[in-house]
Amino acid sequence: MMTLEDRVKVLEYEVKILKNEVQQALLDIQEQLLIHYYPSLRSDEASPSESIRRSIEAIQKKKAMLEQAPSDENRQKQEQAIPGTEWNGNSDRDPTFG
């Protein structure tokens, strides 16, 4: 049975993941609104103003950071939970199971 402290830690972790997912969704919406209101962003021929280009780049950087953060945390959490069970995809295979 989990202690209260462990349950709180798990809930905090889940809230952190949820927060990252909400931020990701908001950044997607922001990017789509910019593209909708500035159709020149969709065209390869036209070049948007420098401020719009910087806004898009900042949004894309934030999205990349958010996409990377939960996976890193997830991997670390799993490694802490079950030490020595990391799978590298090749050399750990048991010959018994092919």
PDB file of N, CA and C in Angstrom:
ATOM      1  N   MET A   1       0.840  -1.185   0.000  1.00  0.00           N
ATOM      2  CA  MET A   1       0.000   0.000   0.000  1.00  0.00           C
ATOM      3  C   MET A   1       0.882   1.245   0.000  1.00  0.00           C
ATOM      4  N   MET A   2       0.508   2.212  -0.817  1.00  0.00           N
ATOM      5  CA  MET A   2       1.305   3.433  -0.944  1.00  0.00           C
ATOM      6  C   MET A   2       1.087   4.338   0.256  1.00  0.00           C
ATOM      7  N   THR A   3       2.160   4.951   0.676  1.00  0.00           N
ATOM      8  CA  THR A   3       2.026   5.926   1.748  1.00  0.00           C
ATOM      9  C   THR A   3       1.463   7.211   1.171  1.00  0.00           C
ATOM     10  N   LEU A   4       0.995   8.044   2.060  1.00  0.00           N
ATOM     11  CA  LEU A   4       0.414   9.315   1.644  1.00  0.00           C
ATOM     12  C   LEU A   4       1.451  10.158   0.898  1.00  0.00           C
ATOM     13  N   GLU A   5       2.678  10.123   1.364  1.00  0.00           N
ATOM     14  CA  GLU A   5       3.746  10.895   0.727  1.00  0.00           C
ATOM     15  C   GLU A   5       3.994  10.420  -0.705  1.00  0.00           C
ATOM     16  N   ASP A   6       3.985   9.105  -0.907  1.00  0.00           N
ATOM     17  CA  ASP A   6       4.176   8.556  -2.252  1.00  0.00           C
ATOM     18  C   ASP A   6       3.026   8.943  -3.174  1.00  0.00           C
ATOM     19  N   ARG A   7       1.833   8.902  -2.648  1.00  0.00           N
ATOM     20  CA  ARG A   7       0.664   9.271  -3.447  1.00  0.00           C
ATOM     21  C   ARG A   7       0.725  10.732  -3.866  1.00  0.00           C
ATOM     22  N   VAL A   8       1.173  11.593  -2.948  1.00  0.00           N
ATOM     23  CA  VAL A   8       1.296  13.019  -3.265  1.00  0.00           C
ATOM     24  C   VAL A   8       2.336  13.223  -4.365  1.00  0.00           C
ATOM     25  N   LYS A   9       3.456  12.510  -4.274  1.00  0.00           N
ATOM     26  CA  LYS A   9       4.493  12.624  -5.300  1.00  0.00           C
ATOM     27  C   LYS A   9       3.967  12.188  -6.665  1.00  0.00           C
ATOM     28  N   VAL A  10       3.227  11.101  -6.697  1.00  0.00           N
ATOM     29  CA  VAL A  10       2.657  10.619  -7.958  1.00  0.00           C
ATOM     30  C   VAL A  10       1.680  11.642  -8.525  1.00  0.00           C
ATOM     31  N   LEU A  11       0.837  12.198  -7.675  1.00  0.00           N
ATOM     32  CA  LEU A  11      -0.126  13.204  -8.140  1.00  0.00           C
ATOM     33  C   LEU A  11       0.576  14.468  -8.638  1.00  0.00           C
ATOM     34  N   GLU A  12       1.623  14.884  -7.952  1.00  0.00           N
ATOM     35  CA  GLU A  12       2.385  16.052  -8.398  1.00  0.00           C
ATOM     36  C   GLU A  12       2.988  15.800  -9.771  1.00  0.00           C
ATOM     37  N   TYR A  13       3.504  14.616  -9.973  1.00  0.00           N
ATOM     38  CA  TYR A  13       4.093  14.256 -11.258  1.00  0.00           C
ATOM     39  C   TYR A  13       3.034  14.269 -12.359  1.00  0.00           C
ATOM     40  N   GLU A  14       1.865  13.710 -12.072  1.00  0.00           N
ATOM     41  CA  GLU A  14       0.793  13.681 -13.060  1.00  0.00           C
ATOM     42  C   GLU A  14       0.297  15.090 -13.385  1.00  0.00           C
ATOM     43  N   VAL A  15       0.237  15.961 -12.389  1.00  0.00           N
ATOM     44  CA  VAL A  15      -0.179  17.348 -12.622  1.00  0.00           C
ATOM     45  C   VAL A  15       0.851  18.054 -13.497  1.00  0.00           C
ATOM     46  N   LYS A  16       2.131  17.761 -13.261  1.00  0.00           N
ATOM     47  CA  LYS A  16       3.190  18.361 -14.074  1.00  0.00           C
ATOM     48  C   LYS A  16       3.052  17.941 -15.534  1.00  0.00           C
ATOM     49  N   ILE A  17       2.773  16.670 -15.771  1.00  0.00           N
ATOM     50  CA  ILE A  17       2.580  16.186 -17.138  1.00  0.00           C
ATOM     51  C   ILE A  17       1.359  16.852 -17.768  1.00  0.00           C
ATOM     52  N   LEU A  18       0.269  16.933 -17.015  1.00  0.00           N
ATOM     53  CA  LEU A  18      -0.942  17.572 -17.520  1.00  0.00           C
ATOM     54  C   LEU A  18      -0.683  19.040 -17.866  1.00  0.00           C
ATOM     55  N   LYS A  19       0.064  19.719 -17.022  1.00  0.00           N
ATOM     56  CA  LYS A  19       0.396  21.123 -17.268  1.00  0.00           C
ATOM     57  C   LYS A  19       1.180  21.256 -18.572  1.00  0.00           C
ATOM     58  N   ASN A  20       2.132  20.375 -18.802  1.00  0.00           N
ATOM     59  CA  ASN A  20       2.912  20.415 -20.038  1.00  0.00           C
ATOM     60  C   ASN A  20       2.034  20.156 -21.252  1.00  0.00           C
ATOM     61  N   GLU A  21       1.081  19.239 -21.126  1.00  0.00           N
ATOM     62  CA  GLU A  21       0.183  18.956 -22.242  1.00  0.00           C
ATOM     63  C   GLU A  21      -0.713  20.149 -22.551  1.00  0.00           C
ATOM     64  N   VAL A  22      -1.183  20.848 -21.521  1.00  0.00           N
ATOM     65  CA  VAL A  22      -2.014  22.038 -21.725  1.00  0.00           C
ATOM     66  C   VAL A  22      -1.181  23.129 -22.393  1.00  0.00           C
ATOM     67  N   GLN A  23       0.065  23.319 -21.926  1.00  0.00           N
ATOM     68  CA  GLN A  23       0.931  24.313 -22.552  1.00  0.00           C
ATOM     69  C   GLN A  23       1.172  23.977 -24.018  1.00  0.00           C
ATOM     70  N   GLN A  24       1.374  22.709 -24.311  1.00  0.00           N
ATOM     71  CA  GLN A  24       1.593  22.276 -25.692  1.00  0.00           C
ATOM     72  C   GLN A  24       0.365  22.605 -26.546  1.00  0.00           C
ATOM     73  N   ALA A  25      -0.813  22.326 -26.035  1.00  0.00           N
ATOM     74  CA  ALA A  25      -2.043  22.610 -26.778  1.00  0.00           C
ATOM     75  C   ALA A  25      -2.201  24.115 -27.013  1.00  0.00           C
ATOM     76  N   LEU A  26      -1.902  24.915 -26.002  1.00  0.00           N
ATOM     77  CA  LEU A  26      -2.006  26.372 -26.154  1.00  0.00           C
ATOM     78  C   LEU A  26      -1.000  26.899 -27.178  1.00  0.00           C
ATOM     79  N   LEU A  27       0.198  26.349 -27.189  1.00  0.00           N
ATOM     80  CA  LEU A  27       1.183  26.764 -28.186  1.00  0.00           C
ATOM     81  C   LEU A  27       0.742  26.369 -29.598  1.00  0.00           C
ATOM     82  N   ASP A  28       0.136  25.196 -29.734  1.00  0.00           N
ATOM     83  CA  ASP A  28      -0.391  24.780 -31.034  1.00  0.00           C
ATOM     84  C   ASP A  28      -1.476  25.748 -31.503  1.00  0.00           C
ATOM     85  N   ILE A  29      -2.357  26.126 -30.592  1.00  0.00           N
ATOM     86  CA  ILE A  29      -3.433  27.070 -30.925  1.00  0.00           C
ATOM     87  C   ILE A  29      -2.840  28.416 -31.322  1.00  0.00           C
ATOM     88  N   GLN A  30      -1.863  28.886 -30.559  1.00  0.00           N
ATOM     89  CA  GLN A  30      -1.229  30.171 -30.854  1.00  0.00           C
ATOM     90  C   GLN A  30      -0.573  30.146 -32.237  1.00  0.00           C
ATOM     91  N   GLU A  31       0.110  29.054 -32.543  1.00  0.00           N
ATOM     92  CA  GLU A  31       0.755  28.931 -33.843  1.00  0.00           C
ATOM     93  C   GLU A  31      -0.278  28.933 -34.965  1.00  0.00           C
ATOM     94  N   GLN A  32      -1.374  28.200 -34.782  1.00  0.00           N
ATOM     95  CA  GLN A  32      -2.411  28.145 -35.812  1.00  0.00           C
ATOM     96  C   GLN A  32      -3.069  29.510 -36.012  1.00  0.00           C
ATOM     97  N   LEU A  33      -3.273  30.253 -34.924  1.00  0.00           N
ATOM     98  CA  LEU A  33      -3.860  31.591 -35.052  1.00  0.00           C
ATOM     99  C   LEU A  33      -2.931  32.526 -35.825  1.00  0.00           C
ATOM    100  N   LEU A  34      -1.646  32.462 -35.517  1.00  0.00           N
ATOM    101  CA  LEU A  34      -0.698  33.298 -36.251  1.00  0.00           C
ATOM    102  C   LEU A  34      -0.700  32.944 -37.733  1.00  0.00           C
ATOM    103  N   ILE A  35      -0.714  31.665 -38.034  1.00  0.00           N
ATOM    104  CA  ILE A  35      -0.708  31.236 -39.433  1.00  0.00           C
ATOM    105  C   ILE A  35      -2.019  31.645 -40.124  1.00  0.00           C
ATOM    106  N   HIS A  36      -3.130  31.559 -39.377  1.00  0.00           N
ATOM    107  CA  HIS A  36      -4.432  31.939 -39.943  1.00  0.00           C
ATOM    108  C   HIS A  36      -4.479  33.437 -40.251  1.00  0.00           C
ATOM    109  N   TYR A  37      -4.036  34.261 -39.317  1.00  0.00           N
ATOM    110  CA  TYR A  37      -4.119  35.704 -39.503  1.00  0.00           C
ATOM    111  C   TYR A  37      -3.001  36.265 -40.368  1.00  0.00           C
ATOM    112  N   TYR A  38      -1.946  35.510 -40.562  1.00  0.00           N
ATOM    113  CA  TYR A  38      -0.849  35.927 -41.432  1.00  0.00           C
ATOM    114  C   TYR A  38      -0.607  34.821 -42.461  1.00  0.00           C
ATOM    115  N   PRO A  39      -1.456  34.769 -43.491  1.00  0.00           N
ATOM    116  CA  PRO A  39      -1.343  33.692 -44.481  1.00  0.00           C
ATOM    117  C   PRO A  39       0.020  33.650 -45.165  1.00  0.00           C
ATOM    118  N   SER A  40       0.732  34.753 -45.123  1.00  0.00           N
ATOM    119  CA  SER A  40       2.052  34.768 -45.763  1.00  0.00           C
ATOM    120  C   SER A  40       3.007  33.786 -45.090  1.00  0.00           C
ATOM    121  N   LEU A  41       2.695  33.376 -43.863  1.00  0.00           N
ATOM    122  CA  LEU A  41       3.536  32.401 -43.176  1.00  0.00           C
ATOM    123  C   LEU A  41       3.450  31.028 -43.846  1.00  0.00           C
ATOM    124  N   ARG A  42       2.346  30.773 -44.534  1.00  0.00           N
ATOM    125  CA  ARG A  42       2.157  29.481 -45.190  1.00  0.00           C
ATOM    126  C   ARG A  42       2.888  29.404 -46.529  1.00  0.00           C
ATOM    127  N   SER A  43       3.118  30.522 -47.131  1.00  0.00           N
ATOM    128  CA  SER A  43       3.720  30.558 -48.457  1.00  0.00           C
ATOM    129  C   SER A  43       5.241  30.576 -48.354  1.00  0.00           C
ATOM    130  N   ASP A  44       5.873  29.802 -49.209  1.00  0.00           N
ATOM    131  CA  ASP A  44       7.331  29.799 -49.243  1.00  0.00           C
ATOM    132  C   ASP A  44       7.871  31.028 -49.972  1.00  0.00           C
ATOM    133  N   GLU A  45       7.065  31.594 -50.854  1.00  0.00           N
ATOM    134  CA  GLU A  45       7.517  32.728 -51.659  1.00  0.00           C
ATOM    135  C   GLU A  45       7.551  34.024 -50.857  1.00  0.00           C
ATOM    136  N   ALA A  46       6.546  34.272 -50.079  1.00  0.00           N
ATOM    137  CA  ALA A  46       6.480  35.509 -49.303  1.00  0.00           C
ATOM    138  C   ALA A  46       7.272  35.347 -48.021  1.00  0.00           C
ATOM    139  N   SER A  47       7.891  36.413 -47.592  1.00  0.00           N
ATOM    140  CA  SER A  47       8.626  36.318 -46.329  1.00  0.00           C
ATOM    141  C   SER A  47       7.934  37.200 -45.296  1.00  0.00           C
ATOM    142  N   PRO A  48       7.590  36.638 -44.146  1.00  0.00           N
ATOM    143  CA  PRO A  48       6.915  37.397 -43.102  1.00  0.00           C
ATOM    144  C   PRO A  48       7.875  38.397 -42.452  1.00  0.00           C
ATOM    145  N   SER A  49       7.301  39.332 -41.720  1.00  0.00           N
ATOM    146  CA  SER A  49       8.138  40.318 -41.042  1.00  0.00           C
ATOM    147  C   SER A  49       9.017  39.626 -40.005  1.00  0.00           C
ATOM    148  N   GLU A  50      10.067  40.301 -39.609  1.00  0.00           N
ATOM    149  CA  GLU A  50      11.031  39.730 -38.669  1.00  0.00           C
ATOM    150  C   GLU A  50      10.379  39.425 -37.318  1.00  0.00           C
ATOM    151  N   SER A  51       9.488  40.292 -36.848  1.00  0.00           N
ATOM    152  CA  SER A  51       8.854  40.061 -35.542  1.00  0.00           C
ATOM    153  C   SER A  51       7.951  38.829 -35.578  1.00  0.00           C
ATOM    154  N   ILE A  52       7.251  38.626 -36.670  1.00  0.00           N
ATOM    155  CA  ILE A  52       6.389  37.442 -36.801  1.00  0.00           C
ATOM    156  C   ILE A  52       7.249  36.188 -36.884  1.00  0.00           C
ATOM    157  N   ARG A  53       8.335  36.272 -37.632  1.00  0.00           N
ATOM    158  CA  ARG A  53       9.242  35.124 -37.745  1.00  0.00           C
ATOM    159  C   ARG A  53       9.815  34.752 -36.371  1.00  0.00           C
ATOM    160  N   ARG A  54      10.189  35.762 -35.583  1.00  0.00           N
ATOM    161  CA  ARG A  54      10.721  35.496 -34.238  1.00  0.00           C
ATOM    162  C   ARG A  54       9.646  34.884 -33.339  1.00  0.00           C
ATOM    163  N   SER A  55       8.409  35.363 -33.479  1.00  0.00           N
ATOM    164  CA  SER A  55       7.314  34.804 -32.676  1.00  0.00           C
ATOM    165  C   SER A  55       7.110  33.329 -32.990  1.00  0.00           C
ATOM    166  N   ILE A  56       7.101  32.999 -34.267  1.00  0.00           N
ATOM    167  CA  ILE A  56       6.928  31.603 -34.681  1.00  0.00           C
ATOM    168  C   ILE A  56       8.092  30.754 -34.174  1.00  0.00           C
ATOM    169  N   GLU A  57       9.314  31.252 -34.311  1.00  0.00           N
ATOM    170  CA  GLU A  57      10.480  30.493 -33.849  1.00  0.00           C
ATOM    171  C   GLU A  57      10.428  30.275 -32.340  1.00  0.00           C
ATOM    172  N   ALA A  58      10.002  31.303 -31.592  1.00  0.00           N
ATOM    173  CA  ALA A  58       9.903  31.166 -30.135  1.00  0.00           C
ATOM    174  C   ALA A  58       8.865  30.116 -29.764  1.00  0.00           C
ATOM    175  N   ILE A  59       7.744  30.107 -30.474  1.00  0.00           N
ATOM    176  CA  ILE A  59       6.697  29.119 -30.213  1.00  0.00           C
ATOM    177  C   ILE A  59       7.219  27.720 -30.522  1.00  0.00           C
ATOM    178  N   GLN A  60       7.915  27.578 -31.637  1.00  0.00           N
ATOM    179  CA  GLN A  60       8.437  26.264 -32.002  1.00  0.00           C
ATOM    180  C   GLN A  60       9.480  25.775 -31.002  1.00  0.00           C
ATOM    181  N   LYS A  61      10.309  26.680 -30.485  1.00  0.00           N
ATOM    182  CA  LYS A  61      11.302  26.292 -29.477  1.00  0.00           C
ATOM    183  C   LYS A  61      10.609  25.830 -28.194  1.00  0.00           C
ATOM    184  N   LYS A  62       9.583  26.575 -27.778  1.00  0.00           N
ATOM    185  CA  LYS A  62       8.838  26.182 -26.575  1.00  0.00           C
ATOM    186  C   LYS A  62       8.195  24.817 -26.765  1.00  0.00           C
ATOM    187  N   LYS A  63       7.624  24.591 -27.957  1.00  0.00           N
ATOM    188  CA  LYS A  63       7.004  23.299 -28.225  1.00  0.00           C
ATOM    189  C   LYS A  63       8.029  22.179 -28.152  1.00  0.00           C
ATOM    190  N   ALA A  64       9.197  22.422 -28.717  1.00  0.00           N
ATOM    191  CA  ALA A  64      10.243  21.393 -28.701  1.00  0.00           C
ATOM    192  C   ALA A  64      10.689  21.094 -27.277  1.00  0.00           C
ATOM    193  N   MET A  65      10.804  22.122 -26.460  1.00  0.00           N
ATOM    194  CA  MET A  65      11.205  21.929 -25.065  1.00  0.00           C
ATOM    195  C   MET A  65      10.143  21.146 -24.310  1.00  0.00           C
ATOM    196  N   LEU A  66       8.882  21.471 -24.551  1.00  0.00           N
ATOM    197  CA  LEU A  66       7.799  20.784 -23.848  1.00  0.00           C
ATOM    198  C   LEU A  66       7.692  19.330 -24.294  1.00  0.00           C
ATOM    199  N   GLU A  67       7.922  19.078 -25.562  1.00  0.00           N
ATOM    200  CA  GLU A  67       7.854  17.700 -26.049  1.00  0.00           C
ATOM    201  C   GLU A  67       8.981  16.866 -25.470  1.00  0.00           C
ATOM    202  N   GLN A  68      10.110  17.487 -25.251  1.00  0.00           N
ATOM    203  CA  GLN A  68      11.261  16.765 -24.742  1.00  0.00           C
ATOM    204  C   GLN A  68      11.174  16.572 -23.229  1.00  0.00           C
ATOM    205  N   ALA A  69      10.648  17.530 -22.488  1.00  0.00           N
ATOM    206  CA  ALA A  69      10.648  17.488 -21.015  1.00  0.00           C
ATOM    207  C   ALA A  69       9.927  16.273 -20.436  1.00  0.00           C
ATOM    208  N   PRO A  70       8.665  15.988 -20.808  1.00  0.00           N
ATOM    209  CA  PRO A  70       8.002  14.847 -20.179  1.00  0.00           C
ATOM    210  C   PRO A  70       8.673  13.513 -20.478  1.00  0.00           C
ATOM    211  N   SER A  71       9.206  13.352 -21.679  1.00  0.00           N
ATOM    212  CA  SER A  71       9.821  12.071 -21.996  1.00  0.00           C
ATOM    213  C   SER A  71      11.084  11.861 -21.173  1.00  0.00           C
ATOM    214  N   ASP A  72      11.863  12.917 -20.959  1.00  0.00           N
ATOM    215  CA  ASP A  72      13.052  12.803 -20.128  1.00  0.00           C
ATOM    216  C   ASP A  72      12.672  12.477 -18.693  1.00  0.00           C
ATOM    217  N   GLU A  73      11.656  13.161 -18.175  1.00  0.00           N
ATOM    218  CA  GLU A  73      11.208  12.917 -16.804  1.00  0.00           C
ATOM    219  C   GLU A  73      10.657  11.504 -16.667  1.00  0.00           C
ATOM    220  N   ASN A  74       9.911  11.077 -17.674  1.00  0.00           N
ATOM    221  CA  ASN A  74       9.325   9.732 -17.654  1.00  0.00           C
ATOM    222  C   ASN A  74      10.416   8.680 -17.592  1.00  0.00           C
ATOM    223  N   ARG A  75      11.442   8.841 -18.437  1.00  0.00           N
ATOM    224  CA  ARG A  75      12.527   7.872 -18.471  1.00  0.00           C
ATOM    225  C   ARG A  75      13.256   7.838 -17.131  1.00  0.00           C
ATOM    226  N   GLN A  76      13.532   9.016 -16.561  1.00  0.00           N
ATOM    227  CA  GLN A  76      14.218   9.067 -15.272  1.00  0.00           C
ATOM    228  C   GLN A  76      13.366   8.434 -14.188  1.00  0.00           C
ATOM    229  N   LYS A  77      12.085   8.689 -14.205  1.00  0.00           N
ATOM    230  CA  LYS A  77      11.184   8.137 -13.200  1.00  0.00           C
ATOM    231  C   LYS A  77      11.155   6.608 -13.297  1.00  0.00           C
ATOM    232  N   GLN A  78      11.094   6.101 -14.527  1.00  0.00           N
ATOM    233  CA  GLN A  78      11.068   4.658 -14.713  1.00  0.00           C
ATOM    234  C   GLN A  78      12.379   4.023 -14.277  1.00  0.00           C
ATOM    235  N   GLU A  79      13.497   4.667 -14.579  1.00  0.00           N
ATOM    236  CA  GLU A  79      14.785   4.118 -14.188  1.00  0.00           C
ATOM    237  C   GLU A  79      14.932   4.092 -12.671  1.00  0.00           C
ATOM    238  N   GLN A  80      14.375   5.101 -12.004  1.00  0.00           N
ATOM    239  CA  GLN A  80      14.441   5.142 -10.542  1.00  0.00           C
ATOM    240  C   GLN A  80      13.529   4.083  -9.934  1.00  0.00           C
ATOM    241  N   ALA A  81      12.389   3.861 -10.572  1.00  0.00           N
ATOM    242  CA  ALA A  81      11.420   2.921 -10.020  1.00  0.00           C
ATOM    243  C   ALA A  81      11.911   1.480 -10.116  1.00  0.00           C
ATOM    244  N   ILE A  82      12.527   1.128 -11.233  1.00  0.00           N
ATOM    245  CA  ILE A  82      12.983  -0.240 -11.442  1.00  0.00           C
ATOM    246  C   ILE A  82      14.437  -0.185 -11.925  1.00  0.00           C
ATOM    247  N   PRO A  83      15.379  -0.063 -11.029  1.00  0.00           N
ATOM    248  CA  PRO A  83      16.771   0.050 -11.457  1.00  0.00           C
ATOM    249  C   PRO A  83      17.261  -1.222 -12.143  1.00  0.00           C
ATOM    250  N   GLY A  84      18.099  -1.021 -13.153  1.00  0.00           N
ATOM    251  CA  GLY A  84      18.697  -2.149 -13.843  1.00  0.00           C
ATOM    252  C   GLY A  84      17.806  -2.794 -14.886  1.00  0.00           C
ATOM    253  N   THR A  85      16.680  -2.147 -15.245  1.00  0.00           N
ATOM    254  CA  THR A  85      15.793  -2.757 -16.235  1.00  0.00           C
ATOM    255  C   THR A  85      15.743  -1.968 -17.529  1.00  0.00           C
ATOM    256  N   GLU A  86      16.699  -1.054 -17.737  1.00  0.00           N
ATOM    257  CA  GLU A  86      16.702  -0.284 -18.968  1.00  0.00           C
ATOM    258  C   GLU A  86      16.983  -1.222 -20.129  1.00  0.00           C
ATOM    259  N   TRP A  87      16.299  -1.048 -21.234  1.00  0.00           N
ATOM    260  CA  TRP A  87      16.458  -1.915 -22.392  1.00  0.00           C
ATOM    261  C   TRP A  87      17.080  -1.098 -23.507  1.00  0.00           C
ATOM    262  N   ASN A  88      18.156  -1.585 -24.069  1.00  0.00           N
ATOM    263  CA  ASN A  88      18.822  -0.832 -25.127  1.00  0.00           C
ATOM    264  C   ASN A  88      18.371  -1.249 -26.520  1.00  0.00           C
ATOM    265  N   GLY A  89      17.501  -2.204 -26.625  1.00  0.00           N
ATOM    266  CA  GLY A  89      16.919  -2.575 -27.903  1.00  0.00           C
ATOM    267  C   GLY A  89      17.601  -3.729 -28.600  1.00  0.00           C
ATOM    268  N   ASN A  90      18.808  -4.096 -28.228  1.00  0.00           N
ATOM    269  CA  ASN A  90      19.487  -5.156 -28.979  1.00  0.00           C
ATOM    270  C   ASN A  90      20.134  -6.192 -28.069  1.00  0.00           C
ATOM    271  N   SER A  91      21.185  -5.797 -27.398  1.00  0.00           N
ATOM    272  CA  SER A  91      22.062  -6.765 -26.751  1.00  0.00           C
ATOM    273  C   SER A  91      21.485  -7.425 -25.508  1.00  0.00           C
ATOM    274  N   ASP A  92      20.381  -6.929 -24.984  1.00  0.00           N
ATOM    275  CA  ASP A  92      19.820  -7.490 -23.762  1.00  0.00           C
ATOM    276  C   ASP A  92      18.897  -8.690 -24.018  1.00  0.00           C
ATOM    277  N   ARG A  93      18.709  -9.047 -25.259  1.00  0.00           N
ATOM    278  CA  ARG A  93      17.741 -10.106 -25.557  1.00  0.00           C
ATOM    279  C   ARG A  93      18.180 -11.442 -24.974  1.00  0.00           C
ATOM    280  N   ASP A  94      17.192 -12.097 -24.437  1.00  0.00           N
ATOM    281  CA  ASP A  94      17.422 -13.423 -23.881  1.00  0.00           C
ATOM    282  C   ASP A  94      17.329 -14.432 -25.015  1.00  0.00           C
ATOM    283  N   PRO A  95      18.370 -15.216 -25.250  1.00  0.00           N
ATOM    284  CA  PRO A  95      18.327 -16.155 -26.377  1.00  0.00           C
ATOM    285  C   PRO A  95      17.198 -17.163 -26.284  1.00  0.00           C
ATOM    286  N   THR A  96      16.694 -17.389 -25.079  1.00  0.00           N
ATOM    287  CA  THR A  96      15.592 -18.332 -24.901  1.00  0.00           C
ATOM    288  C   THR A  96      14.337 -17.854 -25.620  1.00  0.00           C
ATOM    289  N   PHE A  97      14.128 -16.526 -25.629  1.00  0.00           N
ATOM    290  CA  PHE A  97      12.909 -15.965 -26.205  1.00  0.00           C
ATOM    291  C   PHE A  97      13.119 -15.404 -27.593  1.00  0.00           C
ATOM    292  N   GLY A  98      14.264 -15.579 -28.155  1.00  0.00           N
ATOM    293  CA  GLY A  98      14.510 -15.167 -29.530  1.00  0.00           C
ATOM    294  C   GLY A  98      14.835 -13.750 -29.614  1.00  0.00           C
TER     295      GLY A  98
END
